[in-house]
PDB file of N, CA and C in Angstrom:
ATOM      1  N   UNK A   1       0.842  -1.179   0.000  1.00  0.00           N
ATOM      2  CA  UNK A   1       0.000   0.000   0.000  1.00  0.00           C
ATOM      3  C   UNK A   1       0.883   1.238   0.000  1.00  0.00           C
ATOM      4  N   UNK A   2       0.497   2.185  -0.795  1.00  0.00           N
ATOM      5  CA  UNK A   2       1.243   3.429  -0.830  1.00  0.00           C
ATOM      6  C   UNK A   2       0.567   4.465   0.054  1.00  0.00           C
ATOM      7  N   UNK A   3       1.303   5.496   0.396  1.00  0.00           N
ATOM      8  CA  UNK A   3       0.716   6.570   1.198  1.00  0.00           C
ATOM      9  C   UNK A   3      -0.358   7.306   0.396  1.00  0.00           C
ATOM     10  N   UNK A   4      -0.239   7.276  -0.943  1.00  0.00           N
ATOM     11  CA  UNK A   4      -1.253   7.874  -1.811  1.00  0.00           C
ATOM     12  C   UNK A   4      -2.598   7.166  -1.617  1.00  0.00           C
ATOM     13  N   UNK A   5      -2.594   5.849  -1.593  1.00  0.00           N
ATOM     14  CA  UNK A   5      -3.821   5.081  -1.374  1.00  0.00           C
ATOM     15  C   UNK A   5      -4.415   5.368   0.002  1.00  0.00           C
ATOM     16  N   UNK A   6      -3.558   5.468   1.000  1.00  0.00           N
ATOM     17  CA  UNK A   6      -4.026   5.766   2.350  1.00  0.00           C
ATOM     18  C   UNK A   6      -4.692   7.135   2.397  1.00  0.00           C
ATOM     19  N   UNK A   7      -4.104   8.121   1.747  1.00  0.00           N
ATOM     20  CA  UNK A   7      -4.698   9.460   1.716  1.00  0.00           C
ATOM     21  C   UNK A   7      -6.056   9.452   1.027  1.00  0.00           C
ATOM     22  N   UNK A   8      -6.200   8.674  -0.031  1.00  0.00           N
ATOM     23  CA  UNK A   8      -7.490   8.543  -0.717  1.00  0.00           C
ATOM     24  C   UNK A   8      -8.522   7.943   0.231  1.00  0.00           C
ATOM     25  N   UNK A   9      -8.149   6.902   0.945  1.00  0.00           N
ATOM     26  CA  UNK A   9      -9.053   6.274   1.901  1.00  0.00           C
ATOM     27  C   UNK A   9      -9.459   7.219   3.019  1.00  0.00           C
ATOM     28  N   UNK A  10      -8.507   7.954   3.550  1.00  0.00           N
ATOM     29  CA  UNK A  10      -8.799   8.907   4.626  1.00  0.00           C
ATOM     30  C   UNK A  10      -9.712  10.016   4.122  1.00  0.00           C
ATOM     31  N   UNK A  11      -9.452  10.529   2.929  1.00  0.00           N
ATOM     32  CA  UNK A  11     -10.297  11.591   2.368  1.00  0.00           C
ATOM     33  C   UNK A  11     -11.724  11.081   2.154  1.00  0.00           C
ATOM     34  N   UNK A  12     -11.863   9.885   1.608  1.00  0.00           N
ATOM     35  CA  UNK A  12     -13.194   9.310   1.414  1.00  0.00           C
ATOM     36  C   UNK A  12     -13.951   9.167   2.717  1.00  0.00           C
ATOM     37  N   UNK A  13     -13.275   8.649   3.719  1.00  0.00           N
ATOM     38  CA  UNK A  13     -13.874   8.484   5.034  1.00  0.00           C
ATOM     39  C   UNK A  13     -14.280   9.823   5.631  1.00  0.00           C
ATOM     40  N   UNK A  14     -13.423  10.828   5.510  1.00  0.00           N
ATOM     41  CA  UNK A  14     -13.729  12.151   6.054  1.00  0.00           C
ATOM     42  C   UNK A  14     -14.942  12.779   5.375  1.00  0.00           C
ATOM     43  N   UNK A  15     -15.046  12.642   4.064  1.00  0.00           N
ATOM     44  CA  UNK A  15     -16.181  13.223   3.354  1.00  0.00           C
ATOM     45  C   UNK A  15     -17.499  12.613   3.814  1.00  0.00           C
ATOM     46  N   UNK A  16     -17.528  11.301   3.973  1.00  0.00           N
ATOM     47  CA  UNK A  16     -18.756  10.650   4.434  1.00  0.00           C
ATOM     48  C   UNK A  16     -19.068  11.043   5.874  1.00  0.00           C
ATOM     49  N   UNK A  17     -18.051  11.110   6.725  1.00  0.00           N
ATOM     50  CA  UNK A  17     -18.283  11.522   8.110  1.00  0.00           C
ATOM     51  C   UNK A  17     -18.728  12.982   8.204  1.00  0.00           C
ATOM     52  N   UNK A  18     -18.165  13.845   7.395  1.00  0.00           N
ATOM     53  CA  UNK A  18     -18.576  15.254   7.388  1.00  0.00           C
ATOM     54  C   UNK A  18     -20.041  15.367   6.991  1.00  0.00           C
ATOM     55  N   UNK A  19     -20.447  14.635   5.946  1.00  0.00           N
ATOM     56  CA  UNK A  19     -21.848  14.659   5.522  1.00  0.00           C
ATOM     57  C   UNK A  19     -22.756  14.179   6.656  1.00  0.00           C
ATOM     58  N   UNK A  20     -22.358  13.112   7.323  1.00  0.00           N
ATOM     59  CA  UNK A  20     -23.150  12.564   8.427  1.00  0.00           C
ATOM     60  C   UNK A  20     -23.270  13.565   9.570  1.00  0.00           C
ATOM     61  N   UNK A  21     -22.157  14.156   9.975  1.00  0.00           N
ATOM     62  CA  UNK A  21     -22.160  15.105  11.096  1.00  0.00           C
ATOM     63  C   UNK A  21     -22.990  16.339  10.761  1.00  0.00           C
ATOM     64  N   UNK A  22     -22.829  16.870   9.550  1.00  0.00           N
ATOM     65  CA  UNK A  22     -23.620  18.033   9.158  1.00  0.00           C
ATOM     66  C   UNK A  22     -25.110  17.700   9.128  1.00  0.00           C
ATOM     67  N   UNK A  23     -25.457  16.511   8.685  1.00  0.00           N
ATOM     68  CA  UNK A  23     -26.855  16.075   8.668  1.00  0.00           C
ATOM     69  C   UNK A  23     -27.423  16.013  10.082  1.00  0.00           C
ATOM     70  N   UNK A  24     -26.619  15.607  11.029  1.00  0.00           N
ATOM     71  CA  UNK A  24     -27.074  15.480  12.411  1.00  0.00           C
ATOM     72  C   UNK A  24     -27.295  16.833  13.095  1.00  0.00           C
ATOM     73  N   UNK A  25     -26.509  17.850  12.739  1.00  0.00           N
ATOM     74  CA  UNK A  25     -26.521  19.088  13.505  1.00  0.00           C
ATOM     75  C   UNK A  25     -27.012  20.336  12.767  1.00  0.00           C
ATOM     76  N   UNK A  26     -27.159  20.270  11.451  1.00  0.00           N
ATOM     77  CA  UNK A  26     -27.585  21.439  10.685  1.00  0.00           C
ATOM     78  C   UNK A  26     -28.765  21.079   9.802  1.00  0.00           C
ATOM     79  N   UNK A  27     -29.885  21.769  10.001  1.00  0.00           N
ATOM     80  CA  UNK A  27     -31.097  21.451   9.240  1.00  0.00           C
ATOM     81  C   UNK A  27     -30.927  21.687   7.747  1.00  0.00           C
ATOM     82  N   UNK A  28     -30.060  22.611   7.369  1.00  0.00           N
ATOM     83  CA  UNK A  28     -29.859  22.892   5.946  1.00  0.00           C
ATOM     84  C   UNK A  28     -29.095  21.777   5.241  1.00  0.00           C
ATOM     85  N   UNK A  29     -28.434  20.926   5.985  1.00  0.00           N
ATOM     86  CA  UNK A  29     -27.729  19.756   5.420  1.00  0.00           C
ATOM     87  C   UNK A  29     -28.520  18.532   5.797  1.00  0.00           C
ATOM     88  N   UNK A  30     -29.135  17.901   4.839  1.00  0.00           N
ATOM     89  CA  UNK A  30     -29.862  16.675   5.140  1.00  0.00           C
ATOM     90  C   UNK A  30     -29.850  15.780   3.912  1.00  0.00           C
ATOM     91  N   UNK A  31     -30.491  14.642   4.026  1.00  0.00           N
ATOM     92  CA  UNK A  31     -30.454  13.635   2.965  1.00  0.00           C
ATOM     93  C   UNK A  31     -31.146  14.083   1.687  1.00  0.00           C
ATOM     94  N   UNK A  32     -31.838  15.187   1.731  1.00  0.00           N
ATOM     95  CA  UNK A  32     -32.525  15.697   0.551  1.00  0.00           C
ATOM     96  C   UNK A  32     -31.805  16.875  -0.085  1.00  0.00           C
ATOM     97  N   UNK A  33     -30.529  17.047   0.235  1.00  0.00           N
ATOM     98  CA  UNK A  33     -29.765  18.141  -0.364  1.00  0.00           C
ATOM     99  C   UNK A  33     -28.707  17.599  -1.328  1.00  0.00           C
ATOM    100  N   UNK A  34     -28.424  18.409  -2.312  1.00  0.00           N
ATOM    101  CA  UNK A  34     -27.401  18.038  -3.293  1.00  0.00           C
ATOM    102  C   UNK A  34     -26.044  17.899  -2.606  1.00  0.00           C
ATOM    103  N   UNK A  35     -25.728  18.832  -1.718  1.00  0.00           N
ATOM    104  CA  UNK A  35     -24.418  18.830  -1.054  1.00  0.00           C
ATOM    105  C   UNK A  35     -24.181  17.541  -0.258  1.00  0.00           C
ATOM    106  N   UNK A  36     -25.189  17.133   0.496  1.00  0.00           N
ATOM    107  CA  UNK A  36     -25.064  15.920   1.311  1.00  0.00           C
ATOM    108  C   UNK A  36     -24.771  14.710   0.431  1.00  0.00           C
ATOM    109  N   UNK A  37     -25.555  14.560  -0.619  1.00  0.00           N
ATOM    110  CA  UNK A  37     -25.396  13.406  -1.497  1.00  0.00           C
ATOM    111  C   UNK A  37     -24.115  13.483  -2.310  1.00  0.00           C
ATOM    112  N   UNK A  38     -23.693  14.685  -2.688  1.00  0.00           N
ATOM    113  CA  UNK A  38     -22.431  14.834  -3.419  1.00  0.00           C
ATOM    114  C   UNK A  38     -21.248  14.389  -2.559  1.00  0.00           C
ATOM    115  N   UNK A  39     -21.255  14.784  -1.288  1.00  0.00           N
ATOM    116  CA  UNK A  39     -20.174  14.342  -0.392  1.00  0.00           C
ATOM    117  C   UNK A  39     -20.172  12.825  -0.254  1.00  0.00           C
ATOM    118  N   UNK A  40     -21.348  12.229  -0.149  1.00  0.00           N
ATOM    119  CA  UNK A  40     -21.432  10.772  -0.046  1.00  0.00           C
ATOM    120  C   UNK A  40     -20.973  10.083  -1.327  1.00  0.00           C
ATOM    121  N   UNK A  41     -21.318  10.643  -2.477  1.00  0.00           N
ATOM    122  CA  UNK A  41     -20.887  10.061  -3.752  1.00  0.00           C
ATOM    123  C   UNK A  41     -19.371  10.100  -3.879  1.00  0.00           C
ATOM    124  N   UNK A  42     -18.795  11.249  -3.635  1.00  0.00           N
ATOM    125  CA  UNK A  42     -17.340  11.382  -3.764  1.00  0.00           C
ATOM    126  C   UNK A  42     -16.630  10.523  -2.724  1.00  0.00           C
ATOM    127  N   UNK A  43     -17.108  10.593  -1.478  1.00  0.00           N
ATOM    128  CA  UNK A  43     -16.485   9.812  -0.408  1.00  0.00           C
ATOM    129  C   UNK A  43     -16.555   8.320  -0.658  1.00  0.00           C
ATOM    130  N   UNK A  44     -17.722   7.840  -1.058  1.00  0.00           N
ATOM    131  CA  UNK A  44     -17.848   6.402  -1.282  1.00  0.00           C
ATOM    132  C   UNK A  44     -17.072   5.959  -2.516  1.00  0.00           C
ATOM    133  N   UNK A  45     -16.986   6.804  -3.542  1.00  0.00           N
ATOM    134  CA  UNK A  45     -16.178   6.455  -4.719  1.00  0.00           C
ATOM    135  C   UNK A  45     -14.704   6.311  -4.331  1.00  0.00           C
ATOM    136  N   UNK A  46     -14.223   7.227  -3.509  1.00  0.00           N
ATOM    137  CA  UNK A  46     -12.833   7.126  -3.047  1.00  0.00           C
ATOM    138  C   UNK A  46     -12.626   5.859  -2.212  1.00  0.00           C
ATOM    139  N   UNK A  47     -13.619   5.526  -1.389  1.00  0.00           N
ATOM    140  CA  UNK A  47     -13.499   4.318  -0.571  1.00  0.00           C
ATOM    141  C   UNK A  47     -13.615   3.044  -1.396  1.00  0.00           C
ATOM    142  N   UNK A  48     -14.362   3.083  -2.492  1.00  0.00           N
ATOM    143  CA  UNK A  48     -14.388   1.923  -3.395  1.00  0.00           C
ATOM    144  C   UNK A  48     -12.984   1.685  -3.938  1.00  0.00           C
ATOM    145  N   UNK A  49     -12.357   2.750  -4.409  1.00  0.00           N
ATOM    146  CA  UNK A  49     -10.985   2.626  -4.921  1.00  0.00           C
ATOM    147  C   UNK A  49     -10.059   2.067  -3.833  1.00  0.00           C
ATOM    148  N   UNK A  50     -10.153   2.642  -2.641  1.00  0.00           N
ATOM    149  CA  UNK A  50      -9.303   2.209  -1.533  1.00  0.00           C
ATOM    150  C   UNK A  50      -9.532   0.729  -1.216  1.00  0.00           C
ATOM    151  N   UNK A  51     -10.800   0.305  -1.129  1.00  0.00           N
ATOM    152  CA  UNK A  51     -11.107  -1.090  -0.815  1.00  0.00           C
ATOM    153  C   UNK A  51     -10.631  -2.022  -1.921  1.00  0.00           C
ATOM    154  N   UNK A  52     -10.727  -1.568  -3.176  1.00  0.00           N
ATOM    155  CA  UNK A  52     -10.248  -2.399  -4.285  1.00  0.00           C
ATOM    156  C   UNK A  52      -8.745  -2.641  -4.211  1.00  0.00           C
ATOM    157  N   UNK A  53      -7.990  -1.655  -3.708  1.00  0.00           N
ATOM    158  CA  UNK A  53      -6.537  -1.838  -3.609  1.00  0.00           C
ATOM    159  C   UNK A  53      -6.175  -2.968  -2.646  1.00  0.00           C
ATOM    160  N   UNK A  54      -7.084  -3.260  -1.706  1.00  0.00           N
ATOM    161  CA  UNK A  54      -6.866  -4.340  -0.751  1.00  0.00           C
ATOM    162  C   UNK A  54      -7.659  -5.591  -1.086  1.00  0.00           C
ATOM    163  N   UNK A  55      -8.444  -5.517  -2.148  1.00  0.00           N
ATOM    164  CA  UNK A  55      -9.354  -6.607  -2.501  1.00  0.00           C
ATOM    165  C   UNK A  55     -10.244  -6.964  -1.319  1.00  0.00           C
ATOM    166  N   UNK A  56     -10.696  -5.912  -0.633  1.00  0.00           N
ATOM    167  CA  UNK A  56     -11.575  -6.059   0.527  1.00  0.00           C
ATOM    168  C   UNK A  56     -13.011  -6.025   0.024  1.00  0.00           C
ATOM    169  N   UNK A  57     -13.464  -7.172  -0.486  1.00  0.00           N
ATOM    170  CA  UNK A  57     -14.740  -7.248  -1.196  1.00  0.00           C
ATOM    171  C   UNK A  57     -15.947  -6.812  -0.378  1.00  0.00           C
ATOM    172  N   UNK A  58     -16.036  -7.137   0.897  1.00  0.00           N
ATOM    173  CA  UNK A  58     -17.198  -6.640   1.653  1.00  0.00           C
ATOM    174  C   UNK A  58     -17.273  -5.109   1.659  1.00  0.00           C
ATOM    175  N   UNK A  59     -16.119  -4.458   1.741  1.00  0.00           N
ATOM    176  CA  UNK A  59     -16.112  -2.997   1.766  1.00  0.00           C
ATOM    177  C   UNK A  59     -16.297  -2.401   0.370  1.00  0.00           C
ATOM    178  N   UNK A  60     -15.894  -3.133  -0.642  1.00  0.00           N
ATOM    179  CA  UNK A  60     -16.194  -2.708  -2.015  1.00  0.00           C
ATOM    180  C   UNK A  60     -17.706  -2.710  -2.205  1.00  0.00           C
ATOM    181  N   UNK A  61     -18.356  -3.807  -1.824  1.00  0.00           N
ATOM    182  CA  UNK A  61     -19.805  -3.913  -1.982  1.00  0.00           C
ATOM    183  C   UNK A  61     -20.516  -2.831  -1.166  1.00  0.00           C
ATOM    184  N   UNK A  62     -20.128  -2.662   0.090  1.00  0.00           N
ATOM    185  CA  UNK A  62     -20.733  -1.647   0.949  1.00  0.00           C
ATOM    186  C   UNK A  62     -20.670  -0.270   0.304  1.00  0.00           C
ATOM    187  N   UNK A  63     -19.514   0.102  -0.197  1.00  0.00           N
ATOM    188  CA  UNK A  63     -19.348   1.444  -0.738  1.00  0.00           C
ATOM    189  C   UNK A  63     -19.938   1.600  -2.138  1.00  0.00           C
ATOM    190  N   UNK A  64     -20.018   0.525  -2.908  1.00  0.00           N
ATOM    191  CA  UNK A  64     -20.718   0.592  -4.197  1.00  0.00           C
ATOM    192  C   UNK A  64     -22.205   0.834  -3.949  1.00  0.00           C
ATOM    193  N   UNK A  65     -22.768   0.135  -2.959  1.00  0.00           N
ATOM    194  CA  UNK A  65     -24.180   0.351  -2.626  1.00  0.00           C
ATOM    195  C   UNK A  65     -24.385   1.768  -2.106  1.00  0.00           C
ATOM    196  N   UNK A  66     -23.492   2.244  -1.260  1.00  0.00           N
ATOM    197  CA  UNK A  66     -23.560   3.606  -0.725  1.00  0.00           C
ATOM    198  C   UNK A  66     -23.511   4.611  -1.879  1.00  0.00           C
ATOM    199  N   UNK A  67     -22.594   4.405  -2.800  1.00  0.00           N
ATOM    200  CA  UNK A  67     -22.440   5.278  -3.973  1.00  0.00           C
ATOM    201  C   UNK A  67     -23.697   5.259  -4.839  1.00  0.00           C
ATOM    202  N   UNK A  68     -24.208   4.072  -5.115  1.00  0.00           N
ATOM    203  CA  UNK A  68     -25.401   3.952  -5.965  1.00  0.00           C
ATOM    204  C   UNK A  68     -26.617   4.598  -5.304  1.00  0.00           C
ATOM    205  N   UNK A  69     -26.763   4.407  -4.006  1.00  0.00           N
ATOM    206  CA  UNK A  69     -27.895   4.985  -3.286  1.00  0.00           C
ATOM    207  C   UNK A  69     -27.827   6.509  -3.299  1.00  0.00           C
ATOM    208  N   UNK A  70     -26.670   7.059  -3.019  1.00  0.00           N
ATOM    209  CA  UNK A  70     -26.513   8.516  -3.036  1.00  0.00           C
ATOM    210  C   UNK A  70     -26.692   9.062  -4.449  1.00  0.00           C
ATOM    211  N   UNK A  71     -26.223   8.329  -5.440  1.00  0.00           N
ATOM    212  CA  UNK A  71     -26.403   8.753  -6.827  1.00  0.00           C
ATOM    213  C   UNK A  71     -27.861   8.757  -7.223  1.00  0.00           C
ATOM    214  N   UNK A  72     -28.588   7.719  -6.832  1.00  0.00           N
ATOM    215  CA  UNK A  72     -30.022   7.636  -7.115  1.00  0.00           C
ATOM    216  C   UNK A  72     -30.770   8.776  -6.434  1.00  0.00           C
ATOM    217  N   UNK A  73     -30.428   9.027  -5.177  1.00  0.00           N
ATOM    218  CA  UNK A  73     -31.069  10.109  -4.431  1.00  0.00           C
ATOM    219  C   UNK A  73     -30.781  11.456  -5.086  1.00  0.00           C
ATOM    220  N   UNK A  74     -29.564  11.651  -5.544  1.00  0.00           N
ATOM    221  CA  UNK A  74     -29.209  12.901  -6.216  1.00  0.00           C
ATOM    222  C   UNK A  74     -30.026  13.077  -7.502  1.00  0.00           C
ATOM    223  N   UNK A  75     -30.216  12.002  -8.250  1.00  0.00           N
ATOM    224  CA  UNK A  75     -31.046  12.066  -9.456  1.00  0.00           C
ATOM    225  C   UNK A  75     -32.499  12.412  -9.104  1.00  0.00           C
ATOM    226  N   UNK A  76     -33.011  11.855  -8.015  1.00  0.00           N
ATOM    227  CA  UNK A  76     -34.366  12.192  -7.579  1.00  0.00           C
ATOM    228  C   UNK A  76     -34.486  13.674  -7.232  1.00  0.00           C
ATOM    229  N   UNK A  77     -33.489  14.196  -6.554  1.00  0.00           N
ATOM    230  CA  UNK A  77     -33.489  15.623  -6.172  1.00  0.00           C
ATOM    231  C   UNK A  77     -33.472  16.492  -7.431  1.00  0.00           C
ATOM    232  N   UNK A  78     -32.630  16.149  -8.353  1.00  0.00           N
ATOM    233  CA  UNK A  78     -32.538  16.921  -9.602  1.00  0.00           C
ATOM    234  C   UNK A  78     -33.836  16.834 -10.399  1.00  0.00           C
ATOM    235  N   UNK A  79     -34.463  15.675 -10.408  1.00  0.00           N
ATOM    236  CA  UNK A  79     -35.714  15.490 -11.149  1.00  0.00           C
ATOM    237  C   UNK A  79     -36.837  16.338 -10.531  1.00  0.00           C
ATOM    238  N   UNK A  80     -36.877  16.414  -9.197  1.00  0.00           N
ATOM    239  CA  UNK A  80     -37.894  17.216  -8.504  1.00  0.00           C
ATOM    240  C   UNK A  80     -37.756  18.701  -8.789  1.00  0.00           C
ATOM    241  N   UNK A  81     -36.525  19.142  -9.069  1.00  0.00           N
ATOM    242  CA  UNK A  81     -36.288  20.560  -9.338  1.00  0.00           C
ATOM    243  C   UNK A  81     -36.897  20.989 -10.667  1.00  0.00           C
ATOM    244  N   UNK A  82     -37.093  20.048 -11.587  1.00  0.00           N
ATOM    245  CA  UNK A  82     -37.585  20.381 -12.916  1.00  0.00           C
ATOM    246  C   UNK A  82     -39.093  20.483 -12.960  1.00  0.00           C
TER     247      UNK A  82
END
C-alpha cells in the first residue's frame, strides 16, 4: 500500500463523516440536499478505490451500494427541481 492510497481512503472516510455530522446538527444539510449526497458520492467512490486496492470485497460492496444509493437520491433531487 502506498501513502497515496491511504490518503485517498482517509479523504473518502472524512467526506462521508462530514456529511453525516452536518446532517445530524444542521437542518440545511440533510439527505434531501445536493451537497449531502455529493459528499457521499465522492467519499464512497474514493473508498471503493481504496477497498479495491486491498481486494476487501465486503467494503467494495458496501461502498458501491452507498455510492449507488446517493447517486439515485441525487437524481431524484434533480428530477424534482424540474
